[in-house]
Structures are given as C-alpha cells and as structure tokens.
Full PDB file with SEQRES, HELIX, SHEET, SSBOND, CRYST1, ORIGX, SCALE, CONECT and MASTER records, all heavy atoms in Angstrom:
SEQRES   1 A   40  THR VAL PRO VAL GLU GLU ALA ASP ALA ARG LEU ARG ALA          
SEQRES   2 A   40  LEU LEU ALA ALA GLU SER ALA GLY GLN GLN ASP PRO LEU          
SEQRES   3 A   40  VAL ALA ALA LEU HIS ALA PHE SER ASP PHE ALA LEU ILE          
SEQRES   4 A   40  ASP                                                          
HELIX    1 AA1 VAL A    4  GLU A    6  5                                   3    
HELIX    2 AA2 ALA A    7  ALA A   20  1                                  14    
HELIX    3 AA3 PRO A   25  PHE A   36  1                                  12    
CRYST1    1.000    1.000    1.000  90.00  90.00  90.00 P 1           1          
ORIGX1      1.000000  0.000000  0.000000        0.00000                         
ORIGX2      0.000000  1.000000  0.000000        0.00000                         
ORIGX3      0.000000  0.000000  1.000000        0.00000                         
SCALE1      1.000000  0.000000  0.000000        0.00000                         
SCALE2      0.000000  1.000000  0.000000        0.00000                         
SCALE3      0.000000  0.000000  1.000000        0.00000                         
ATOM      1  N   THR A   1     -16.030   5.558  27.557  1.00  0.00           N  
ATOM      2  CA  THR A   1     -15.177   4.888  26.594  1.00  0.00           C  
ATOM      3  C   THR A   1     -16.005   4.534  25.353  1.00  0.00           C  
ATOM      4  O   THR A   1     -17.223   4.379  25.416  1.00  0.00           O  
ATOM      5  CB  THR A   1     -14.510   3.616  27.179  1.00  0.00           C  
ATOM      6  OG1 THR A   1     -15.563   2.746  27.601  1.00  0.00           O  
ATOM      7  CG2 THR A   1     -13.588   3.959  28.342  1.00  0.00           C  
ATOM      8  N   VAL A   2     -15.286   4.405  24.237  1.00  0.00           N  
ATOM      9  CA  VAL A   2     -15.959   4.179  22.946  1.00  0.00           C  
ATOM     10  C   VAL A   2     -15.789   2.677  22.645  1.00  0.00           C  
ATOM     11  O   VAL A   2     -14.741   2.085  22.795  1.00  0.00           O  
ATOM     12  CB  VAL A   2     -15.234   5.034  21.869  1.00  0.00           C  
ATOM     13  CG1 VAL A   2     -15.822   4.718  20.495  1.00  0.00           C  
ATOM     14  CG2 VAL A   2     -15.303   6.509  22.206  1.00  0.00           C  
ATOM     15  N   PRO A   3     -16.861   2.031  22.177  1.00  0.00           N  
ATOM     16  CA  PRO A   3     -16.779   0.608  21.803  1.00  0.00           C  
ATOM     17  C   PRO A   3     -15.747   0.419  20.693  1.00  0.00           C  
ATOM     18  O   PRO A   3     -15.685   1.220  19.744  1.00  0.00           O  
ATOM     19  CB  PRO A   3     -18.178   0.255  21.306  1.00  0.00           C  
ATOM     20  CG  PRO A   3     -19.058   1.291  21.914  1.00  0.00           C  
ATOM     21  CD  PRO A   3     -18.257   2.514  22.015  1.00  0.00           C  
ATOM     22  N   VAL A   4     -14.973  -0.638  20.768  1.00  0.00           N  
ATOM     23  CA  VAL A   4     -13.954  -0.928  19.740  1.00  0.00           C  
ATOM     24  C   VAL A   4     -14.584  -1.031  18.352  1.00  0.00           C  
ATOM     25  O   VAL A   4     -13.967  -0.668  17.359  1.00  0.00           O  
ATOM     26  CB  VAL A   4     -13.152  -2.197  20.115  1.00  0.00           C  
ATOM     27  CG1 VAL A   4     -12.279  -2.655  18.963  1.00  0.00           C  
ATOM     28  CG2 VAL A   4     -12.345  -1.946  21.385  1.00  0.00           C  
ATOM     29  N   GLU A   5     -15.799  -1.495  18.288  1.00  0.00           N  
ATOM     30  CA  GLU A   5     -16.523  -1.631  17.034  1.00  0.00           C  
ATOM     31  C   GLU A   5     -16.664  -0.313  16.271  1.00  0.00           C  
ATOM     32  O   GLU A   5     -16.920  -0.317  15.074  1.00  0.00           O  
ATOM     33  CB  GLU A   5     -17.887  -2.284  17.250  1.00  0.00           C  
ATOM     34  CG  GLU A   5     -17.855  -3.704  17.762  1.00  0.00           C  
ATOM     35  CD  GLU A   5     -17.527  -3.840  19.230  1.00  0.00           C  
ATOM     36  OE1 GLU A   5     -17.636  -2.810  19.979  1.00  0.00           O  
ATOM     37  OE2 GLU A   5     -17.169  -4.930  19.669  1.00  0.00           O  
ATOM     38  N   GLU A   6     -16.510   0.819  16.958  1.00  0.00           N  
ATOM     39  CA  GLU A   6     -16.592   2.105  16.313  1.00  0.00           C  
ATOM     40  C   GLU A   6     -15.239   2.638  15.796  1.00  0.00           C  
ATOM     41  O   GLU A   6     -15.164   3.733  15.267  1.00  0.00           O  
ATOM     42  CB  GLU A   6     -17.198   3.135  17.285  1.00  0.00           C  
ATOM     43  CG  GLU A   6     -18.629   2.886  17.645  1.00  0.00           C  
ATOM     44  CD  GLU A   6     -19.215   3.940  18.597  1.00  0.00           C  
ATOM     45  OE1 GLU A   6     -18.662   5.059  18.636  1.00  0.00           O  
ATOM     46  OE2 GLU A   6     -20.232   3.608  19.238  1.00  0.00           O  
ATOM     47  N   ALA A   7     -14.179   1.895  16.041  1.00  0.00           N  
ATOM     48  CA  ALA A   7     -12.827   2.377  15.709  1.00  0.00           C  
ATOM     49  C   ALA A   7     -12.639   2.688  14.247  1.00  0.00           C  
ATOM     50  O   ALA A   7     -12.120   3.760  13.912  1.00  0.00           O  
ATOM     51  CB  ALA A   7     -11.784   1.337  16.187  1.00  0.00           C  
ATOM     52  N   ASP A   8     -13.125   1.852  13.348  1.00  0.00           N  
ATOM     53  CA  ASP A   8     -12.991   2.074  11.915  1.00  0.00           C  
ATOM     54  C   ASP A   8     -13.658   3.372  11.537  1.00  0.00           C  
ATOM     55  O   ASP A   8     -13.070   4.240  10.880  1.00  0.00           O  
ATOM     56  CB  ASP A   8     -13.576   0.924  11.144  1.00  0.00           C  
ATOM     57  CG  ASP A   8     -13.491   1.093   9.675  1.00  0.00           C  
ATOM     58  OD1 ASP A   8     -12.466   0.779   9.081  1.00  0.00           O  
ATOM     59  OD2 ASP A   8     -14.479   1.575   9.070  1.00  0.00           O  
ATOM     60  N   ALA A   9     -14.895   3.564  11.941  1.00  0.00           N  
ATOM     61  CA  ALA A   9     -15.669   4.772  11.612  1.00  0.00           C  
ATOM     62  C   ALA A   9     -14.964   6.031  12.202  1.00  0.00           C  
ATOM     63  O   ALA A   9     -14.959   7.060  11.568  1.00  0.00           O  
ATOM     64  CB  ALA A   9     -17.094   4.672  12.118  1.00  0.00           C  
ATOM     65  N   ARG A  10     -14.433   5.945  13.396  1.00  0.00           N  
ATOM     66  CA  ARG A  10     -13.772   7.074  14.042  1.00  0.00           C  
ATOM     67  C   ARG A  10     -12.542   7.487  13.240  1.00  0.00           C  
ATOM     68  O   ARG A  10     -12.328   8.671  13.030  1.00  0.00           O  
ATOM     69  CB  ARG A  10     -13.392   6.760  15.486  1.00  0.00           C  
ATOM     70  CG  ARG A  10     -14.578   6.544  16.406  1.00  0.00           C  
ATOM     71  CD  ARG A  10     -15.273   7.909  16.688  1.00  0.00           C  
ATOM     72  NE  ARG A  10     -16.371   7.748  17.601  1.00  0.00           N  
ATOM     73  CZ  ARG A  10     -16.466   8.219  18.808  1.00  0.00           C  
ATOM     74  NH1 ARG A  10     -15.465   8.931  19.296  1.00  0.00           N  
ATOM     75  NH2 ARG A  10     -17.511   8.011  19.562  1.00  0.00           N  
ATOM     76  N   LEU A  11     -11.725   6.502  12.848  1.00  0.00           N  
ATOM     77  CA  LEU A  11     -10.520   6.832  12.070  1.00  0.00           C  
ATOM     78  C   LEU A  11     -10.869   7.473  10.752  1.00  0.00           C  
ATOM     79  O   LEU A  11     -10.315   8.460  10.319  1.00  0.00           O  
ATOM     80  CB  LEU A  11      -9.606   5.659  11.908  1.00  0.00           C  
ATOM     81  CG  LEU A  11      -8.315   5.915  11.083  1.00  0.00           C  
ATOM     82  CD1 LEU A  11      -7.518   7.068  11.685  1.00  0.00           C  
ATOM     83  CD2 LEU A  11      -7.479   4.628  10.984  1.00  0.00           C  
ATOM     84  N   ARG A  12     -11.868   6.904  10.062  1.00  0.00           N  
ATOM     85  CA  ARG A  12     -12.307   7.425   8.795  1.00  0.00           C  
ATOM     86  C   ARG A  12     -12.814   8.878   8.908  1.00  0.00           C  
ATOM     87  O   ARG A  12     -12.507   9.731   8.055  1.00  0.00           O  
ATOM     88  CB  ARG A  12     -13.398   6.533   8.156  1.00  0.00           C  
ATOM     89  CG  ARG A  12     -12.879   5.220   7.669  1.00  0.00           C  
ATOM     90  CD  ARG A  12     -13.978   4.322   7.118  1.00  0.00           C  
ATOM     91  NE  ARG A  12     -13.510   3.020   6.851  1.00  0.00           N  
ATOM     92  CZ  ARG A  12     -12.900   2.624   5.718  1.00  0.00           C  
ATOM     93  NH1 ARG A  12     -12.699   3.531   4.786  1.00  0.00           N  
ATOM     94  NH2 ARG A  12     -12.474   1.379   5.555  1.00  0.00           N  
ATOM     95  N   ALA A  13     -13.581   9.154   9.968  1.00  0.00           N  
ATOM     96  CA  ALA A  13     -14.111  10.513  10.140  1.00  0.00           C  
ATOM     97  C   ALA A  13     -12.973  11.484  10.442  1.00  0.00           C  
ATOM     98  O   ALA A  13     -12.963  12.611   9.920  1.00  0.00           O  
ATOM     99  CB  ALA A  13     -15.113  10.516  11.304  1.00  0.00           C  
ATOM    100  N   LEU A  14     -11.991  11.096  11.274  1.00  0.00           N  
ATOM    101  CA  LEU A  14     -10.881  11.972  11.557  1.00  0.00           C  
ATOM    102  C   LEU A  14     -10.053  12.237  10.305  1.00  0.00           C  
ATOM    103  O   LEU A  14      -9.612  13.344  10.063  1.00  0.00           O  
ATOM    104  CB  LEU A  14      -9.993  11.372  12.656  1.00  0.00           C  
ATOM    105  CG  LEU A  14     -10.586  11.340  14.048  1.00  0.00           C  
ATOM    106  CD1 LEU A  14      -9.805  10.436  14.959  1.00  0.00           C  
ATOM    107  CD2 LEU A  14     -10.615  12.783  14.588  1.00  0.00           C  
ATOM    108  N   LEU A  15      -9.816  11.177   9.501  1.00  0.00           N  
ATOM    109  CA  LEU A  15      -9.065  11.343   8.273  1.00  0.00           C  
ATOM    110  C   LEU A  15      -9.780  12.226   7.296  1.00  0.00           C  
ATOM    111  O   LEU A  15      -9.170  13.108   6.659  1.00  0.00           O  
ATOM    112  CB  LEU A  15      -8.769   9.975   7.614  1.00  0.00           C  
ATOM    113  CG  LEU A  15      -7.935  10.007   6.369  1.00  0.00           C  
ATOM    114  CD1 LEU A  15      -6.559  10.645   6.639  1.00  0.00           C  
ATOM    115  CD2 LEU A  15      -7.772   8.587   5.840  1.00  0.00           C  
ATOM    116  N   ALA A  16     -11.118  12.086   7.182  1.00  0.00           N  
ATOM    117  CA  ALA A  16     -11.895  12.979   6.297  1.00  0.00           C  
ATOM    118  C   ALA A  16     -11.811  14.426   6.709  1.00  0.00           C  
ATOM    119  O   ALA A  16     -11.622  15.337   5.895  1.00  0.00           O  
ATOM    120  CB  ALA A  16     -13.340  12.495   6.234  1.00  0.00           C  
ATOM    121  N   ALA A  17     -11.916  14.661   8.003  1.00  0.00           N  
ATOM    122  CA  ALA A  17     -11.834  16.039   8.532  1.00  0.00           C  
ATOM    123  C   ALA A  17     -10.450  16.624   8.301  1.00  0.00           C  
ATOM    124  O   ALA A  17     -10.353  17.797   7.878  1.00  0.00           O  
ATOM    125  CB  ALA A  17     -12.211  16.045  10.019  1.00  0.00           C  
ATOM    126  N   GLU A  18      -9.450  15.871   8.554  1.00  0.00           N  
ATOM    127  CA  GLU A  18      -8.053  16.363   8.357  1.00  0.00           C  
ATOM    128  C   GLU A  18      -7.789  16.606   6.864  1.00  0.00           C  
ATOM    129  O   GLU A  18      -7.127  17.591   6.471  1.00  0.00           O  
ATOM    130  CB  GLU A  18      -6.994  15.401   8.923  1.00  0.00           C  
ATOM    131  CG  GLU A  18      -6.884  15.449  10.418  1.00  0.00           C  
ATOM    132  CD  GLU A  18      -6.287  16.763  10.933  1.00  0.00           C  
ATOM    133  OE1 GLU A  18      -5.578  17.453  10.214  1.00  0.00           O  
ATOM    134  OE2 GLU A  18      -6.595  17.074  12.102  1.00  0.00           O  
ATOM    135  N   SER A  19      -8.259  15.680   6.014  1.00  0.00           N  
ATOM    136  CA  SER A  19      -7.998  15.812   4.594  1.00  0.00           C  
ATOM    137  C   SER A  19      -8.665  17.001   3.998  1.00  0.00           C  
ATOM    138  O   SER A  19      -8.173  17.632   3.061  1.00  0.00           O  
ATOM    139  CB  SER A  19      -8.473  14.541   3.860  1.00  0.00           C  
ATOM    140  OG  SER A  19      -7.715  13.446   4.320  1.00  0.00           O  
ATOM    141  N   ALA A  20      -9.849  17.370   4.552  1.00  0.00           N  
ATOM    142  CA  ALA A  20     -10.563  18.558   4.047  1.00  0.00           C  
ATOM    143  C   ALA A  20      -9.793  19.858   4.308  1.00  0.00           C  
ATOM    144  O   ALA A  20      -9.891  20.792   3.522  1.00  0.00           O  
ATOM    145  CB  ALA A  20     -11.924  18.638   4.667  1.00  0.00           C  
ATOM    146  N   GLY A  21      -9.024  19.886   5.365  1.00  0.00           N  
ATOM    147  CA  GLY A  21      -8.303  21.121   5.713  1.00  0.00           C  
ATOM    148  C   GLY A  21      -6.824  21.067   5.447  1.00  0.00           C  
ATOM    149  O   GLY A  21      -6.100  21.940   5.801  1.00  0.00           O  
ATOM    150  N   GLN A  22      -6.346  19.995   4.773  1.00  0.00           N  
ATOM    151  CA  GLN A  22      -4.934  19.798   4.630  1.00  0.00           C  
ATOM    152  C   GLN A  22      -4.607  19.391   3.213  1.00  0.00           C  
ATOM    153  O   GLN A  22      -5.207  18.511   2.690  1.00  0.00           O  
ATOM    154  CB  GLN A  22      -4.501  18.686   5.583  1.00  0.00           C  
ATOM    155  CG  GLN A  22      -3.044  18.301   5.569  1.00  0.00           C  
ATOM    156  CD  GLN A  22      -2.093  19.393   5.868  1.00  0.00           C  
ATOM    157  OE1 GLN A  22      -1.351  19.821   4.979  1.00  0.00           O  
ATOM    158  NE2 GLN A  22      -2.067  19.864   7.055  1.00  0.00           N  
ATOM    159  N   GLN A  23      -3.665  20.032   2.565  1.00  0.00           N  
ATOM    160  CA  GLN A  23      -3.271  19.764   1.218  1.00  0.00           C  
ATOM    161  C   GLN A  23      -2.402  18.479   1.129  1.00  0.00           C  
ATOM    162  O   GLN A  23      -2.461  17.762   0.124  1.00  0.00           O  
ATOM    163  CB  GLN A  23      -2.481  20.922   0.636  1.00  0.00           C  
ATOM    164  CG  GLN A  23      -3.277  22.209   0.637  1.00  0.00           C  
ATOM    165  CD  GLN A  23      -3.533  22.702  -0.744  1.00  0.00           C  
ATOM    166  OE1 GLN A  23      -2.800  22.407  -1.664  1.00  0.00           O  
ATOM    167  NE2 GLN A  23      -4.609  23.431  -0.882  1.00  0.00           N  
ATOM    168  N   ASP A  24      -1.618  18.194   2.164  1.00  0.00           N  
ATOM    169  CA  ASP A  24      -0.671  17.062   2.112  1.00  0.00           C  
ATOM    170  C   ASP A  24      -1.353  15.845   2.697  1.00  0.00           C  
ATOM    171  O   ASP A  24      -1.671  15.814   3.893  1.00  0.00           O  
ATOM    172  CB  ASP A  24       0.565  17.417   2.884  1.00  0.00           C  
ATOM    173  CG  ASP A  24       1.610  16.332   2.834  1.00  0.00           C  
ATOM    174  OD1 ASP A  24       1.250  15.181   2.480  1.00  0.00           O  
ATOM    175  OD2 ASP A  24       2.779  16.636   3.193  1.00  0.00           O  
ATOM    176  N   PRO A  25      -1.644  14.787   1.896  1.00  0.00           N  
ATOM    177  CA  PRO A  25      -2.306  13.617   2.430  1.00  0.00           C  
ATOM    178  C   PRO A  25      -1.547  12.882   3.558  1.00  0.00           C  
ATOM    179  O   PRO A  25      -2.162  12.346   4.463  1.00  0.00           O  
ATOM    180  CB  PRO A  25      -2.419  12.704   1.193  1.00  0.00           C  
ATOM    181  CG  PRO A  25      -2.264  13.583   0.039  1.00  0.00           C  
ATOM    182  CD  PRO A  25      -1.410  14.711   0.455  1.00  0.00           C  
ATOM    183  N   LEU A  26      -0.220  12.912   3.517  1.00  0.00           N  
ATOM    184  CA  LEU A  26       0.570  12.267   4.614  1.00  0.00           C  
ATOM    185  C   LEU A  26       0.377  13.023   5.914  1.00  0.00           C  
ATOM    186  O   LEU A  26       0.137  12.436   6.958  1.00  0.00           O  
ATOM    187  CB  LEU A  26       2.050  12.214   4.201  1.00  0.00           C  
ATOM    188  CG  LEU A  26       2.962  11.630   5.298  1.00  0.00           C  
ATOM    189  CD1 LEU A  26       2.537  10.210   5.681  1.00  0.00           C  
ATOM    190  CD2 LEU A  26       4.420  11.685   4.840  1.00  0.00           C  
ATOM    191  N   VAL A  27       0.460  14.316   5.871  1.00  0.00           N  
ATOM    192  CA  VAL A  27       0.257  15.136   7.079  1.00  0.00           C  
ATOM    193  C   VAL A  27      -1.136  14.931   7.614  1.00  0.00           C  
ATOM    194  O   VAL A  27      -1.360  14.823   8.815  1.00  0.00           O  
ATOM    195  CB  VAL A  27       0.571  16.611   6.819  1.00  0.00           C  
ATOM    196  CG1 VAL A  27       0.227  17.507   7.975  1.00  0.00           C  
ATOM    197  CG2 VAL A  27       2.071  16.784   6.475  1.00  0.00           C  
ATOM    198  N   ALA A  28      -2.138  14.910   6.738  1.00  0.00           N  
ATOM    199  CA  ALA A  28      -3.514  14.648   7.164  1.00  0.00           C  
ATOM    200  C   ALA A  28      -3.628  13.317   7.856  1.00  0.00           C  
ATOM    201  O   ALA A  28      -4.257  13.203   8.918  1.00  0.00           O  
ATOM    202  CB  ALA A  28      -4.441  14.737   5.954  1.00  0.00           C  
ATOM    203  N   ALA A  29      -3.008  12.259   7.319  1.00  0.00           N  
ATOM    204  CA  ALA A  29      -3.052  10.942   7.885  1.00  0.00           C  
ATOM    205  C   ALA A  29      -2.373  10.925   9.236  1.00  0.00           C  
ATOM    206  O   ALA A  29      -2.888  10.297  10.226  1.00  0.00           O  
ATOM    207  CB  ALA A  29      -2.438   9.910   6.950  1.00  0.00           C  
ATOM    208  N   LEU A  30      -1.228  11.571   9.350  1.00  0.00           N  
ATOM    209  CA  LEU A  30      -0.500  11.607  10.639  1.00  0.00           C  
ATOM    210  C   LEU A  30      -1.318  12.333  11.699  1.00  0.00           C  
ATOM    211  O   LEU A  30      -1.411  11.868  12.851  1.00  0.00           O  
ATOM    212  CB  LEU A  30       0.868  12.258  10.439  1.00  0.00           C  
ATOM    213  CG  LEU A  30       1.867  11.494   9.583  1.00  0.00           C  
ATOM    214  CD1 LEU A  30       3.075  12.346   9.298  1.00  0.00           C  
ATOM    215  CD2 LEU A  30       2.287  10.180  10.248  1.00  0.00           C  
ATOM    216  N   HIS A  31      -1.904  13.457  11.382  1.00  0.00           N  
ATOM    217  CA  HIS A  31      -2.737  14.216  12.326  1.00  0.00           C  
ATOM    218  C   HIS A  31      -3.947  13.389  12.738  1.00  0.00           C  
ATOM    219  O   HIS A  31      -4.288  13.335  13.937  1.00  0.00           O  
ATOM    220  CB  HIS A  31      -3.194  15.535  11.741  1.00  0.00           C  
ATOM    221  CG  HIS A  31      -2.098  16.545  11.688  1.00  0.00           C  
ATOM    222  ND1 HIS A  31      -2.253  17.775  11.077  1.00  0.00           N  
ATOM    223  CD2 HIS A  31      -0.796  16.536  12.101  1.00  0.00           C  
ATOM    224  CE1 HIS A  31      -1.156  18.483  11.178  1.00  0.00           C  
ATOM    225  NE2 HIS A  31      -0.242  17.761  11.773  1.00  0.00           N  
ATOM    226  N   ALA A  32      -4.613  12.791  11.775  1.00  0.00           N  
ATOM    227  CA  ALA A  32      -5.819  11.987  12.080  1.00  0.00           C  
ATOM    228  C   ALA A  32      -5.429  10.835  12.988  1.00  0.00           C  
ATOM    229  O   ALA A  32      -6.169  10.560  13.968  1.00  0.00           O  
ATOM    230  CB  ALA A  32      -6.441  11.465  10.788  1.00  0.00           C  
ATOM    231  N   PHE A  33      -4.330  10.153  12.696  1.00  0.00           N  
ATOM    232  CA  PHE A  33      -3.941   8.997  13.504  1.00  0.00           C  
ATOM    233  C   PHE A  33      -3.584   9.409  14.930  1.00  0.00           C  
ATOM    234  O   PHE A  33      -3.911   8.732  15.880  1.00  0.00           O  
ATOM    235  CB  PHE A  33      -2.831   8.212  12.862  1.00  0.00           C  
ATOM    236  CG  PHE A  33      -2.573   6.910  13.595  1.00  0.00           C  
ATOM    237  CD1 PHE A  33      -3.382   5.838  13.383  1.00  0.00           C  
ATOM    238  CD2 PHE A  33      -1.544   6.767  14.498  1.00  0.00           C  
ATOM    239  CE1 PHE A  33      -3.224   4.627  14.067  1.00  0.00           C  
ATOM    240  CE2 PHE A  33      -1.329   5.626  15.154  1.00  0.00           C  
ATOM    241  CZ  PHE A  33      -2.148   4.543  14.940  1.00  0.00           C  
ATOM    242  N   SER A  34      -2.863  10.533  15.052  1.00  0.00           N  
ATOM    243  CA  SER A  34      -2.524  10.938  16.404  1.00  0.00           C  
ATOM    244  C   SER A  34      -3.710  11.292  17.209  1.00  0.00           C  
ATOM    245  O   SER A  34      -3.756  11.016  18.427  1.00  0.00           O  
ATOM    246  CB  SER A  34      -1.484  12.105  16.371  1.00  0.00           C  
ATOM    247  OG  SER A  34      -2.074  13.269  15.844  1.00  0.00           O  
ATOM    248  N   ASP A  35      -4.741  11.870  16.598  1.00  0.00           N  
ATOM    249  CA  ASP A  35      -6.012  12.078  17.326  1.00  0.00           C  
ATOM    250  C   ASP A  35      -6.725  10.795  17.620  1.00  0.00           C  
ATOM    251  O   ASP A  35      -7.260  10.585  18.709  1.00  0.00           O  
ATOM    252  CB  ASP A  35      -6.948  13.023  16.484  1.00  0.00           C  
ATOM    253  CG  ASP A  35      -6.432  14.450  16.439  1.00  0.00           C  
ATOM    254  OD1 ASP A  35      -5.563  14.849  17.222  1.00  0.00           O  
ATOM    255  OD2 ASP A  35      -6.930  15.164  15.543  1.00  0.00           O  
ATOM    256  N   PHE A  36      -6.706   9.861  16.671  1.00  0.00           N  
ATOM    257  CA  PHE A  36      -7.366   8.570  16.809  1.00  0.00           C  
ATOM    258  C   PHE A  36      -6.744   7.766  17.991  1.00  0.00           C  
ATOM    259  O   PHE A  36      -7.421   7.118  18.725  1.00  0.00           O  
ATOM    260  CB  PHE A  36      -7.219   7.806  15.485  1.00  0.00           C  
ATOM    261  CG  PHE A  36      -7.718   6.395  15.507  1.00  0.00           C  
ATOM    262  CD1 PHE A  36      -9.044   6.130  15.642  1.00  0.00           C  
ATOM    263  CD2 PHE A  36      -6.821   5.336  15.306  1.00  0.00           C  
ATOM    264  CE1 PHE A  36      -9.517   4.784  15.657  1.00  0.00           C  
ATOM    265  CE2 PHE A  36      -7.298   4.043  15.312  1.00  0.00           C  
ATOM    266  CZ  PHE A  36      -8.639   3.767  15.474  1.00  0.00           C  
ATOM    267  N   ALA A  37      -5.424   7.863  18.113  1.00  0.00           N  
ATOM    268  CA  ALA A  37      -4.730   7.126  19.134  1.00  0.00           C  
ATOM    269  C   ALA A  37      -5.087   7.578  20.558  1.00  0.00           C  
ATOM    270  O   ALA A  37      -4.889   6.852  21.499  1.00  0.00           O  
ATOM    271  CB  ALA A  37      -3.237   7.253  18.939  1.00  0.00           C  
ATOM    272  N   LEU A  38      -5.616   8.792  20.658  1.00  0.00           N  
ATOM    273  CA  LEU A  38      -5.958   9.318  21.986  1.00  0.00           C  
ATOM    274  C   LEU A  38      -7.409   8.962  22.401  1.00  0.00           C  
ATOM    275  O   LEU A  38      -7.798   9.249  23.536  1.00  0.00           O  
ATOM    276  CB  LEU A  38      -5.789  10.832  21.988  1.00  0.00           C  
ATOM    277  CG  LEU A  38      -4.341  11.320  21.762  1.00  0.00           C  
ATOM    278  CD1 LEU A  38      -4.283  12.816  21.702  1.00  0.00           C  
ATOM    279  CD2 LEU A  38      -3.424  10.772  22.838  1.00  0.00           C  
ATOM    280  N   ILE A  39      -8.172   8.387  21.530  1.00  0.00           N  
ATOM    281  CA  ILE A  39      -9.535   7.963  21.860  1.00  0.00           C  
ATOM    282  C   ILE A  39      -9.498   6.806  22.858  1.00  0.00           C  
ATOM    283  O   ILE A  39      -8.737   5.854  22.666  1.00  0.00           O  
ATOM    284  CB  ILE A  39     -10.355   7.579  20.589  1.00  0.00           C  
ATOM    285  CG1 ILE A  39     -10.492   8.757  19.671  1.00  0.00           C  
ATOM    286  CG2 ILE A  39     -11.713   7.012  20.974  1.00  0.00           C  
ATOM    287  CD1 ILE A  39     -11.124   8.450  18.311  1.00  0.00           C  
ATOM    288  N   ASP A  40     -10.314   6.891  23.892  1.00  0.00           N  
ATOM    289  CA  ASP A  40     -10.327   5.861  24.923  1.00  0.00           C  
ATOM    290  C   ASP A  40     -11.382   4.820  24.533  1.00  0.00           C  
ATOM    291  O   ASP A  40     -12.526   4.960  24.785  1.00  0.00           O  
ATOM    292  CB  ASP A  40     -10.687   6.512  26.257  1.00  0.00           C  
ATOM    293  CG  ASP A  40     -10.558   5.581  27.413  1.00  0.00           C  
ATOM    294  OD1 ASP A  40      -9.894   4.518  27.259  1.00  0.00           O  
ATOM    295  OD2 ASP A  40     -11.075   5.896  28.529  1.00  0.00           O  
TER     296      ASP A  40                                                      
MASTER        0    0    0    3    0    0    0    6  295    1    0    4          
END                                                                             
C-alpha cells in the first residue's frame, strides 16, 4: 500500500501523464482521477 502522504504527488503525476497524451483537459483529468482512485 502507498502512504497517504504520497497521494498529492501521485495524482499530479497521473494528471501530467494523461495531459501529455490528451488534448482535452477534462478527459485527461477524468482518466487521471479514475487511475488515482484505484491506488491502494
């Protein structure tokens, strides 16, 4: 499991990765958040 203290950095990294490959910022945020929500 991942320490809760890493949650902010994890979401930011997922959003950056999705934003780099996605033209639509909303779709990038939705994809990043759905991946973020699955982190244990």
